[in-house]
């Protein structure tokens, strides 16, 4: 933007004004993962986007996973990562690694980056203050996921209190057991969706490594920019929504059905995609409404 003449720069800022007014005071939940979490340049862009939004009055909550870092730690200990239906099989040893990586390394790193960029980040584990309470995830077919949890209760008050004081909550996707001392590994998309619903967020954004939902995954021109939740079942039957995209779409659909105004699946590999989506008329990815 520094290479643009003053008139163009002013025009860009003026274009953002109505969107800033629309989102000021509202809650946005961002699920952070994929390449945007590994590539340092993309990571800095995400952090700056969040700090800027916070400074203009948007209340942002960052929910993160840390799959690559967990796999790396397990590899160092000689343990192979195992996935069942797209979810990491989590035994006791893996759960220890999950907590070390998510609640320690990744969470603290993100909080530090937010602080350095001028924000006020506060790290939270889903186990803190009973934020996420879960039971063991089960399937009708008896699939065993180990200590992978299904969130059944959210105590959003701790997050709301931080937002009211101007902080940026950074939440790791783990949960405490509802009725016992077991801790659970939670899919980060699901954690973000559950929290967005509990917070009555205006928008849920899932950062991914794809442009959004496309009719033909090999053809970027087939991106579906906007989709009503009522249209989703037909697209699943037609095979447009398949594989790993199904649970992400399910999260967006469930969020909208439970009161979140809009939900987005968008490409975290695009620098500043959060700002482009929220503060411009262009938007990115696929919006569910």
C-alpha atoms as a PDB file:
ATOM      1  CA  UNK A   1       0.000   0.000   0.000  1.00  0.00           C
ATOM      2  CA  UNK A   2       2.985   2.320   0.564  1.00  0.00           C
ATOM      3  CA  UNK A   3       3.632   2.240  -3.200  1.00  0.00           C
ATOM      4  CA  UNK A   4       0.179   3.639  -3.976  1.00  0.00           C
ATOM      5  CA  UNK A   5      -0.496   7.318  -4.421  1.00  0.00           C
ATOM      6  CA  UNK A   6      -2.304   9.110  -1.574  1.00  0.00           C
ATOM      7  CA  UNK A   7      -5.643   9.249  -3.387  1.00  0.00           C
ATOM      8  CA  UNK A   8      -5.769   5.485  -3.929  1.00  0.00           C
ATOM      9  CA  UNK A   9      -4.683   4.807  -0.361  1.00  0.00           C
ATOM     10  CA  UNK A  10      -7.400   7.126   0.925  1.00  0.00           C
ATOM     11  CA  UNK A  11      -9.962   5.366  -1.248  1.00  0.00           C
ATOM     12  CA  UNK A  12      -9.033   1.982   0.203  1.00  0.00           C
ATOM     13  CA  UNK A  13      -9.421   3.294   3.742  1.00  0.00           C
ATOM     14  CA  UNK A  14     -12.748   4.967   2.958  1.00  0.00           C
ATOM     15  CA  UNK A  15     -14.034   1.728   1.411  1.00  0.00           C
ATOM     16  CA  UNK A  16     -13.329  -0.032   4.704  1.00  0.00           C
ATOM     17  CA  UNK A  17     -15.303   2.480   6.799  1.00  0.00           C
ATOM     18  CA  UNK A  18     -18.827   1.002   6.458  1.00  0.00           C
ATOM     19  CA  UNK A  19     -17.475  -2.467   7.196  1.00  0.00           C
ATOM     20  CA  UNK A  20     -15.647  -1.211  10.276  1.00  0.00           C
ATOM     21  CA  UNK A  21     -18.905   0.371  11.419  1.00  0.00           C
ATOM     22  CA  UNK A  22     -20.775  -2.886  10.763  1.00  0.00           C
ATOM     23  CA  UNK A  23     -18.372  -5.043  12.771  1.00  0.00           C
ATOM     24  CA  UNK A  24     -17.404  -2.610  15.538  1.00  0.00           C
ATOM     25  CA  UNK A  25     -18.371  -4.122  18.880  1.00  0.00           C
ATOM     26  CA  UNK A  26     -19.275  -7.452  17.276  1.00  0.00           C
ATOM     27  CA  UNK A  27     -17.565 -10.789  17.942  1.00  0.00           C
ATOM     28  CA  UNK A  28     -15.633 -12.613  15.228  1.00  0.00           C
ATOM     29  CA  UNK A  29     -14.252 -16.108  15.838  1.00  0.00           C
ATOM     30  CA  UNK A  30     -11.288 -17.121  13.673  1.00  0.00           C
ATOM     31  CA  UNK A  31     -10.091 -20.723  13.475  1.00  0.00           C
ATOM     32  CA  UNK A  32      -6.401 -20.567  12.700  1.00  0.00           C
ATOM     33  CA  UNK A  33      -4.587 -23.465  11.063  1.00  0.00           C
ATOM     34  CA  UNK A  34      -2.998 -24.805   7.890  1.00  0.00           C
ATOM     35  CA  UNK A  35      -0.153 -23.082   6.034  1.00  0.00           C
ATOM     36  CA  UNK A  36      -1.095 -19.733   7.560  1.00  0.00           C
ATOM     37  CA  UNK A  37       0.119 -21.204  10.831  1.00  0.00           C
ATOM     38  CA  UNK A  38       3.434 -22.542   9.482  1.00  0.00           C
ATOM     39  CA  UNK A  39       4.589 -19.900   6.994  1.00  0.00           C
ATOM     40  CA  UNK A  40       6.100 -17.023   8.972  1.00  0.00           C
ATOM     41  CA  UNK A  41       5.040 -14.338   6.489  1.00  0.00           C
ATOM     42  CA  UNK A  42       1.443 -15.571   6.492  1.00  0.00           C
ATOM     43  CA  UNK A  43       1.505 -15.886  10.273  1.00  0.00           C
ATOM     44  CA  UNK A  44       2.557 -12.254  10.630  1.00  0.00           C
ATOM     45  CA  UNK A  45      -0.211 -11.189   8.222  1.00  0.00           C
ATOM     46  CA  UNK A  46      -2.842 -13.017  10.296  1.00  0.00           C
ATOM     47  CA  UNK A  47      -1.534 -11.483  13.511  1.00  0.00           C
ATOM     48  CA  UNK A  48      -1.551  -7.954  12.058  1.00  0.00           C
ATOM     49  CA  UNK A  49      -5.076  -8.454  10.713  1.00  0.00           C
ATOM     50  CA  UNK A  50      -6.331  -9.476  14.139  1.00  0.00           C
ATOM     51  CA  UNK A  51      -4.588  -6.619  15.944  1.00  0.00           C
ATOM     52  CA  UNK A  52      -5.925  -4.072  13.450  1.00  0.00           C
ATOM     53  CA  UNK A  53      -9.468  -5.389  13.849  1.00  0.00           C
ATOM     54  CA  UNK A  54      -9.113  -5.246  17.620  1.00  0.00           C
ATOM     55  CA  UNK A  55      -7.890  -1.648  17.483  1.00  0.00           C
ATOM     56  CA  UNK A  56     -10.925  -0.528  15.432  1.00  0.00           C
ATOM     57  CA  UNK A  57     -13.335  -2.137  17.882  1.00  0.00           C
ATOM     58  CA  UNK A  58     -13.923  -5.606  16.464  1.00  0.00           C
ATOM     59  CA  UNK A  59     -13.837  -8.261  19.184  1.00  0.00           C
ATOM     60  CA  UNK A  60     -11.770 -11.121  17.795  1.00  0.00           C
ATOM     61  CA  UNK A  61     -11.329 -14.580  19.304  1.00  0.00           C
ATOM     62  CA  UNK A  62      -8.582 -16.805  17.873  1.00  0.00           C
ATOM     63  CA  UNK A  63      -9.044 -20.579  18.126  1.00  0.00           C
ATOM     64  CA  UNK A  64      -6.111 -22.735  17.045  1.00  0.00           C
ATOM     65  CA  UNK A  65      -4.988 -26.280  16.542  1.00  0.00           C
ATOM     66  CA  UNK A  66      -1.429 -27.370  15.875  1.00  0.00           C
ATOM     67  CA  UNK A  67      -1.445 -30.580  13.874  1.00  0.00           C
ATOM     68  CA  UNK A  68       1.975 -30.256  12.198  1.00  0.00           C
ATOM     69  CA  UNK A  69       3.680 -29.354  15.480  1.00  0.00           C
ATOM     70  CA  UNK A  70       2.037 -32.303  17.256  1.00  0.00           C
ATOM     71  CA  UNK A  71       3.158 -34.672  14.502  1.00  0.00           C
ATOM     72  CA  UNK A  72       6.691 -33.281  14.701  1.00  0.00           C
ATOM     73  CA  UNK A  73       6.887 -33.820  18.464  1.00  0.00           C
ATOM     74  CA  UNK A  74       5.535 -37.360  18.177  1.00  0.00           C
ATOM     75  CA  UNK A  75       8.071 -38.123  15.455  1.00  0.00           C
ATOM     76  CA  UNK A  76      10.892 -36.984  17.735  1.00  0.00           C
ATOM     77  CA  UNK A  77       9.685 -39.412  20.397  1.00  0.00           C
ATOM     78  CA  UNK A  78       9.473 -42.239  17.879  1.00  0.00           C
ATOM     79  CA  UNK A  79       5.672 -42.397  17.799  1.00  0.00           C
ATOM     80  CA  UNK A  80       3.803 -42.478  14.515  1.00  0.00           C
ATOM     81  CA  UNK A  81       0.772 -40.237  13.964  1.00  0.00           C
ATOM     82  CA  UNK A  82      -2.402 -42.189  13.278  1.00  0.00           C
ATOM     83  CA  UNK A  83      -5.605 -40.735  11.865  1.00  0.00           C
ATOM     84  CA  UNK A  84      -9.097 -42.211  11.961  1.00  0.00           C
ATOM     85  CA  UNK A  85     -11.701 -40.663   9.650  1.00  0.00           C
ATOM     86  CA  UNK A  86      -9.581 -37.518   9.451  1.00  0.00           C
ATOM     87  CA  UNK A  87      -9.159 -37.168  13.229  1.00  0.00           C
ATOM     88  CA  UNK A  88      -5.919 -37.803  15.105  1.00  0.00           C
ATOM     89  CA  UNK A  89      -6.168 -41.014  17.122  1.00  0.00           C
ATOM     90  CA  UNK A  90      -5.319 -39.864  20.636  1.00  0.00           C
ATOM     91  CA  UNK A  91      -4.026 -42.287  23.247  1.00  0.00           C
ATOM     92  CA  UNK A  92      -2.548 -41.127  26.566  1.00  0.00           C
ATOM     93  CA  UNK A  93       0.898 -40.490  25.082  1.00  0.00           C
ATOM     94  CA  UNK A  94      -0.537 -38.498  22.190  1.00  0.00           C
ATOM     95  CA  UNK A  95      -2.780 -36.534  24.571  1.00  0.00           C
ATOM     96  CA  UNK A  96       0.296 -35.513  26.566  1.00  0.00           C
ATOM     97  CA  UNK A  97       1.901 -34.278  23.338  1.00  0.00           C
ATOM     98  CA  UNK A  98      -1.287 -32.452  22.327  1.00  0.00           C
ATOM     99  CA  UNK A  99      -1.370 -30.541  25.611  1.00  0.00           C
ATOM    100  CA  UNK A 100       2.349 -29.730  25.477  1.00  0.00           C
ATOM    101  CA  UNK A 101       2.107 -28.371  21.947  1.00  0.00           C
ATOM    102  CA  UNK A 102      -1.282 -26.640  21.975  1.00  0.00           C
ATOM    103  CA  UNK A 103      -1.424 -25.272  25.509  1.00  0.00           C
ATOM    104  CA  UNK A 104       2.294 -24.553  25.655  1.00  0.00           C
ATOM    105  CA  UNK A 105       4.318 -23.899  22.528  1.00  0.00           C
ATOM    106  CA  UNK A 106       1.698 -22.816  19.987  1.00  0.00           C
ATOM    107  CA  UNK A 107      -0.579 -20.852  22.309  1.00  0.00           C
ATOM    108  CA  UNK A 108       2.222 -18.919  23.975  1.00  0.00           C
ATOM    109  CA  UNK A 109       3.849 -18.179  20.619  1.00  0.00           C
ATOM    110  CA  UNK A 110       0.636 -16.673  19.232  1.00  0.00           C
ATOM    111  CA  UNK A 111       0.067 -14.585  22.352  1.00  0.00           C
ATOM    112  CA  UNK A 112       3.624 -13.281  22.114  1.00  0.00           C
ATOM    113  CA  UNK A 113       3.195 -12.336  18.461  1.00  0.00           C
ATOM    114  CA  UNK A 114      -0.046 -10.484  19.201  1.00  0.00           C
ATOM    115  CA  UNK A 115       1.625  -8.545  22.003  1.00  0.00           C
ATOM    116  CA  UNK A 116       4.596  -7.610  19.810  1.00  0.00           C
ATOM    117  CA  UNK A 117       2.204  -6.365  17.118  1.00  0.00           C
ATOM    118  CA  UNK A 118       0.485  -4.031  19.578  1.00  0.00           C
ATOM    119  CA  UNK A 119      -2.402  -6.212  20.686  1.00  0.00           C
ATOM    120  CA  UNK A 120      -3.244  -7.664  24.087  1.00  0.00           C
ATOM    121  CA  UNK A 121      -3.354 -11.416  23.701  1.00  0.00           C
ATOM    122  CA  UNK A 122      -4.371 -13.773  26.496  1.00  0.00           C
ATOM    123  CA  UNK A 123      -3.783 -17.493  26.154  1.00  0.00           C
ATOM    124  CA  UNK A 124      -6.512 -19.915  27.192  1.00  0.00           C
ATOM    125  CA  UNK A 125      -6.753 -23.665  27.154  1.00  0.00           C
ATOM    126  CA  UNK A 126     -10.189 -25.126  26.559  1.00  0.00           C
ATOM    127  CA  UNK A 127      -9.711 -26.676  30.000  1.00  0.00           C
ATOM    128  CA  UNK A 128      -9.343 -23.279  31.723  1.00  0.00           C
ATOM    129  CA  UNK A 129     -12.373 -22.204  33.728  1.00  0.00           C
ATOM    130  CA  UNK A 130     -14.418 -25.026  32.244  1.00  0.00           C
ATOM    131  CA  UNK A 131     -14.371 -23.244  28.887  1.00  0.00           C
ATOM    132  CA  UNK A 132     -14.885 -26.493  26.953  1.00  0.00           C
ATOM    133  CA  UNK A 133     -16.359 -29.584  28.593  1.00  0.00           C
ATOM    134  CA  UNK A 134     -16.561 -32.739  26.549  1.00  0.00           C
ATOM    135  CA  UNK A 135     -17.392 -36.412  26.467  1.00  0.00           C
ATOM    136  CA  UNK A 136     -15.573 -39.043  24.447  1.00  0.00           C
ATOM    137  CA  UNK A 137     -16.443 -38.876  20.745  1.00  0.00           C
ATOM    138  CA  UNK A 138     -18.365 -41.946  19.625  1.00  0.00           C
ATOM    139  CA  UNK A 139     -19.734 -43.137  16.302  1.00  0.00           C
ATOM    140  CA  UNK A 140     -22.716 -45.439  15.755  1.00  0.00           C
ATOM    141  CA  UNK A 141     -20.352 -47.902  14.065  1.00  0.00           C
ATOM    142  CA  UNK A 142     -18.184 -48.080  17.186  1.00  0.00           C
ATOM    143  CA  UNK A 143     -15.138 -46.310  15.737  1.00  0.00           C
ATOM    144  CA  UNK A 144     -12.492 -45.740  18.405  1.00  0.00           C
ATOM    145  CA  UNK A 145     -10.832 -42.305  18.332  1.00  0.00           C
ATOM    146  CA  UNK A 146      -9.164 -42.584  21.724  1.00  0.00           C
ATOM    147  CA  UNK A 147      -9.235 -39.379  23.761  1.00  0.00           C
ATOM    148  CA  UNK A 148     -10.917 -37.279  21.085  1.00  0.00           C
ATOM    149  CA  UNK A 149     -13.764 -35.314  22.586  1.00  0.00           C
ATOM    150  CA  UNK A 150     -17.172 -34.015  21.621  1.00  0.00           C
ATOM    151  CA  UNK A 151     -17.881 -30.646  23.254  1.00  0.00           C
ATOM    152  CA  UNK A 152     -21.188 -30.712  25.124  1.00  0.00           C
ATOM    153  CA  UNK A 153     -20.855 -27.580  27.262  1.00  0.00           C
ATOM    154  CA  UNK A 154     -19.208 -24.184  26.772  1.00  0.00           C
ATOM    155  CA  UNK A 155     -18.579 -21.667  29.541  1.00  0.00           C
ATOM    156  CA  UNK A 156     -18.208 -18.569  27.413  1.00  0.00           C
ATOM    157  CA  UNK A 157     -18.139 -16.094  30.314  1.00  0.00           C
ATOM    158  CA  UNK A 158     -14.361 -16.189  30.687  1.00  0.00           C
ATOM    159  CA  UNK A 159     -13.969 -15.240  27.015  1.00  0.00           C
ATOM    160  CA  UNK A 160     -16.622 -12.517  27.203  1.00  0.00           C
ATOM    161  CA  UNK A 161     -14.914 -11.004  30.246  1.00  0.00           C
ATOM    162  CA  UNK A 162     -11.612 -10.793  28.368  1.00  0.00           C
ATOM    163  CA  UNK A 163     -13.272  -9.279  25.291  1.00  0.00           C
ATOM    164  CA  UNK A 164     -14.968  -6.635  27.422  1.00  0.00           C
ATOM    165  CA  UNK A 165     -11.544  -5.578  28.710  1.00  0.00           C
ATOM    166  CA  UNK A 166     -10.100  -5.269  25.209  1.00  0.00           C
ATOM    167  CA  UNK A 167      -8.068  -8.480  25.220  1.00  0.00           C
ATOM    168  CA  UNK A 168      -7.713 -10.924  22.325  1.00  0.00           C
ATOM    169  CA  UNK A 169      -8.439 -14.447  23.631  1.00  0.00           C
ATOM    170  CA  UNK A 170      -6.280 -17.163  22.054  1.00  0.00           C
ATOM    171  CA  UNK A 171      -7.903 -20.547  22.668  1.00  0.00           C
ATOM    172  CA  UNK A 172      -6.280 -23.972  22.258  1.00  0.00           C
ATOM    173  CA  UNK A 173      -8.568 -26.797  21.164  1.00  0.00           C
ATOM    174  CA  UNK A 174      -8.528 -29.144  24.149  1.00  0.00           C
ATOM    175  CA  UNK A 175     -11.307 -29.807  26.657  1.00  0.00           C
ATOM    176  CA  UNK A 176     -11.901 -31.105  30.156  1.00  0.00           C
ATOM    177  CA  UNK A 177     -14.100 -34.136  30.721  1.00  0.00           C
ATOM    178  CA  UNK A 178     -17.684 -33.315  31.661  1.00  0.00           C
ATOM    179  CA  UNK A 179     -17.987 -35.869  34.453  1.00  0.00           C
ATOM    180  CA  UNK A 180     -14.423 -37.035  35.126  1.00  0.00           C
ATOM    181  CA  UNK A 181     -10.775 -35.981  35.126  1.00  0.00           C
ATOM    182  CA  UNK A 182     -10.144 -37.012  31.522  1.00  0.00           C
ATOM    183  CA  UNK A 183      -8.830 -34.386  29.103  1.00  0.00           C
ATOM    184  CA  UNK A 184      -9.741 -34.486  25.435  1.00  0.00           C
ATOM    185  CA  UNK A 185      -8.262 -33.515  22.094  1.00  0.00           C
ATOM    186  CA  UNK A 186     -10.797 -31.450  20.126  1.00  0.00           C
ATOM    187  CA  UNK A 187     -10.962 -30.785  16.399  1.00  0.00           C
ATOM    188  CA  UNK A 188     -10.145 -27.075  16.072  1.00  0.00           C
ATOM    189  CA  UNK A 189     -12.892 -26.401  13.512  1.00  0.00           C
ATOM    190  CA  UNK A 190     -15.459 -27.885  15.885  1.00  0.00           C
ATOM    191  CA  UNK A 191     -14.077 -25.945  18.851  1.00  0.00           C
ATOM    192  CA  UNK A 192     -14.325 -22.687  16.896  1.00  0.00           C
ATOM    193  CA  UNK A 193     -17.888 -23.460  15.820  1.00  0.00           C
ATOM    194  CA  UNK A 194     -19.054 -24.326  19.346  1.00  0.00           C
ATOM    195  CA  UNK A 195     -17.447 -21.196  20.767  1.00  0.00           C
ATOM    196  CA  UNK A 196     -18.868 -18.958  18.032  1.00  0.00           C
ATOM    197  CA  UNK A 197     -22.371 -20.220  18.810  1.00  0.00           C
ATOM    198  CA  UNK A 198     -21.946 -19.751  22.563  1.00  0.00           C
ATOM    199  CA  UNK A 199     -20.593 -16.213  22.073  1.00  0.00           C
ATOM    200  CA  UNK A 200     -23.378 -15.331  19.608  1.00  0.00           C
ATOM    201  CA  UNK A 201     -20.661 -14.268  17.198  1.00  0.00           C
ATOM    202  CA  UNK A 202     -21.484 -12.274  14.116  1.00  0.00           C
ATOM    203  CA  UNK A 203     -19.085 -14.317  12.013  1.00  0.00           C
ATOM    204  CA  UNK A 204     -17.074 -17.543  12.076  1.00  0.00           C
ATOM    205  CA  UNK A 205     -14.019 -17.763   9.817  1.00  0.00           C
ATOM    206  CA  UNK A 206     -12.251 -21.064   9.131  1.00  0.00           C
ATOM    207  CA  UNK A 207      -8.806 -20.506   7.608  1.00  0.00           C
ATOM    208  CA  UNK A 208      -7.858 -23.446   5.372  1.00  0.00           C
ATOM    209  CA  UNK A 209      -5.439 -24.405   2.606  1.00  0.00           C
ATOM    210  CA  UNK A 210      -8.049 -24.170  -0.155  1.00  0.00           C
ATOM    211  CA  UNK A 211      -9.733 -21.175  -1.787  1.00  0.00           C
ATOM    212  CA  UNK A 212     -13.113 -22.214  -0.460  1.00  0.00           C
ATOM    213  CA  UNK A 213     -15.789 -24.558  -1.748  1.00  0.00           C
ATOM    214  CA  UNK A 214     -15.409 -25.241  -5.481  1.00  0.00           C
ATOM    215  CA  UNK A 215     -17.593 -27.223  -7.844  1.00  0.00           C
ATOM    216  CA  UNK A 216     -14.391 -28.511  -9.445  1.00  0.00           C
ATOM    217  CA  UNK A 217     -11.427 -28.591  -7.019  1.00  0.00           C
ATOM    218  CA  UNK A 218      -9.024 -28.357  -9.972  1.00  0.00           C
ATOM    219  CA  UNK A 219     -10.633 -25.203 -11.383  1.00  0.00           C
ATOM    220  CA  UNK A 220     -10.385 -22.039  -9.267  1.00  0.00           C
ATOM    221  CA  UNK A 221     -13.009 -20.342 -11.436  1.00  0.00           C
ATOM    222  CA  UNK A 222     -15.661 -22.695 -10.001  1.00  0.00           C
ATOM    223  CA  UNK A 223     -15.443 -21.180  -6.513  1.00  0.00           C
ATOM    224  CA  UNK A 224     -18.870 -20.874  -4.875  1.00  0.00           C
ATOM    225  CA  UNK A 225     -18.739 -17.446  -3.187  1.00  0.00           C
ATOM    226  CA  UNK A 226     -22.030 -17.689  -1.302  1.00  0.00           C
ATOM    227  CA  UNK A 227     -24.141 -20.616  -0.213  1.00  0.00           C
ATOM    228  CA  UNK A 228     -27.356 -20.993   1.749  1.00  0.00           C
ATOM    229  CA  UNK A 229     -27.226 -23.761   4.341  1.00  0.00           C
ATOM    230  CA  UNK A 230     -30.348 -25.252   2.754  1.00  0.00           C
ATOM    231  CA  UNK A 231     -28.343 -25.869  -0.441  1.00  0.00           C
ATOM    232  CA  UNK A 232     -25.644 -27.948   1.247  1.00  0.00           C
ATOM    233  CA  UNK A 233     -27.340 -31.404   1.320  1.00  0.00           C
ATOM    234  CA  UNK A 234     -27.826 -31.373  -2.450  1.00  0.00           C
ATOM    235  CA  UNK A 235     -24.163 -30.510  -3.028  1.00  0.00           C
ATOM    236  CA  UNK A 236     -23.108 -33.416  -0.815  1.00  0.00           C
ATOM    237  CA  UNK A 237     -25.370 -35.782  -2.779  1.00  0.00           C
ATOM    238  CA  UNK A 238     -23.918 -34.455  -6.045  1.00  0.00           C
ATOM    239  CA  UNK A 239     -20.376 -35.061  -4.835  1.00  0.00           C
ATOM    240  CA  UNK A 240     -19.408 -31.381  -4.876  1.00  0.00           C
ATOM    241  CA  UNK A 241     -18.715 -31.461  -1.136  1.00  0.00           C
ATOM    242  CA  UNK A 242     -16.558 -34.488  -0.337  1.00  0.00           C
ATOM    243  CA  UNK A 243     -13.830 -35.815   1.944  1.00  0.00           C
ATOM    244  CA  UNK A 244     -12.243 -33.446   4.414  1.00  0.00           C
ATOM    245  CA  UNK A 245     -14.404 -30.562   3.252  1.00  0.00           C
ATOM    246  CA  UNK A 246     -17.558 -32.197   4.650  1.00  0.00           C
ATOM    247  CA  UNK A 247     -16.759 -31.663   8.364  1.00  0.00           C
ATOM    248  CA  UNK A 248     -15.677 -28.072   7.699  1.00  0.00           C
ATOM    249  CA  UNK A 249     -18.914 -27.367   5.852  1.00  0.00           C
ATOM    250  CA  UNK A 250     -20.854 -29.093   8.636  1.00  0.00           C
ATOM    251  CA  UNK A 251     -19.260 -26.720  11.162  1.00  0.00           C
ATOM    252  CA  UNK A 252     -20.325 -23.699   9.120  1.00  0.00           C
ATOM    253  CA  UNK A 253     -23.849 -25.016   8.615  1.00  0.00           C
ATOM    254  CA  UNK A 254     -24.290 -25.821  12.298  1.00  0.00           C
ATOM    255  CA  UNK A 255     -22.941 -22.408  13.330  1.00  0.00           C
ATOM    256  CA  UNK A 256     -25.413 -20.573  11.088  1.00  0.00           C
ATOM    257  CA  UNK A 257     -28.313 -22.773  12.193  1.00  0.00           C
ATOM    258  CA  UNK A 258     -27.445 -22.030  15.826  1.00  0.00           C
ATOM    259  CA  UNK A 259     -27.455 -18.254  15.359  1.00  0.00           C
ATOM    260  CA  UNK A 260     -24.084 -17.169  13.951  1.00  0.00           C
ATOM    261  CA  UNK A 261     -24.943 -14.669  11.221  1.00  0.00           C
ATOM    262  CA  UNK A 262     -22.342 -15.790   8.679  1.00  0.00           C
ATOM    263  CA  UNK A 263     -19.643 -18.451   8.423  1.00  0.00           C
ATOM    264  CA  UNK A 264     -16.730 -18.506   6.002  1.00  0.00           C
ATOM    265  CA  UNK A 265     -14.324 -21.117   4.663  1.00  0.00           C
ATOM    266  CA  UNK A 266     -11.428 -19.193   3.147  1.00  0.00           C
ATOM    267  CA  UNK A 267      -7.850 -19.502   1.992  1.00  0.00           C
ATOM    268  CA  UNK A 268      -5.382 -18.779   4.769  1.00  0.00           C
ATOM    269  CA  UNK A 269      -2.586 -18.837   2.187  1.00  0.00           C
ATOM    270  CA  UNK A 270      -3.760 -15.444   0.901  1.00  0.00           C
ATOM    271  CA  UNK A 271      -2.016 -12.692   2.902  1.00  0.00           C
ATOM    272  CA  UNK A 272      -4.480 -10.573   4.900  1.00  0.00           C
ATOM    273  CA  UNK A 273      -7.449 -12.703   3.811  1.00  0.00           C
ATOM    274  CA  UNK A 274      -9.216 -11.860   7.084  1.00  0.00           C
ATOM    275  CA  UNK A 275      -9.165  -8.126   6.333  1.00  0.00           C
ATOM    276  CA  UNK A 276     -10.135  -8.701   2.705  1.00  0.00           C
ATOM    277  CA  UNK A 277     -13.162 -10.715   3.819  1.00  0.00           C
ATOM    278  CA  UNK A 278     -14.336  -8.402   6.578  1.00  0.00           C
ATOM    279  CA  UNK A 279     -13.370  -4.908   5.434  1.00  0.00           C
ATOM    280  CA  UNK A 280     -13.787  -4.875   1.658  1.00  0.00           C
ATOM    281  CA  UNK A 281     -16.532  -5.448  -0.860  1.00  0.00           C
ATOM    282  CA  UNK A 282     -14.546  -8.223  -2.548  1.00  0.00           C
ATOM    283  CA  UNK A 283     -14.590 -10.897   0.135  1.00  0.00           C
ATOM    284  CA  UNK A 284     -12.817 -14.245  -0.178  1.00  0.00           C
ATOM    285  CA  UNK A 285     -13.712 -17.902   0.064  1.00  0.00           C
ATOM    286  CA  UNK A 286     -17.199 -19.327   0.498  1.00  0.00           C
ATOM    287  CA  UNK A 287     -19.719 -17.667   2.789  1.00  0.00           C
ATOM    288  CA  UNK A 288     -22.518 -19.696   4.380  1.00  0.00           C
ATOM    289  CA  UNK A 289     -25.701 -17.896   5.348  1.00  0.00           C
END
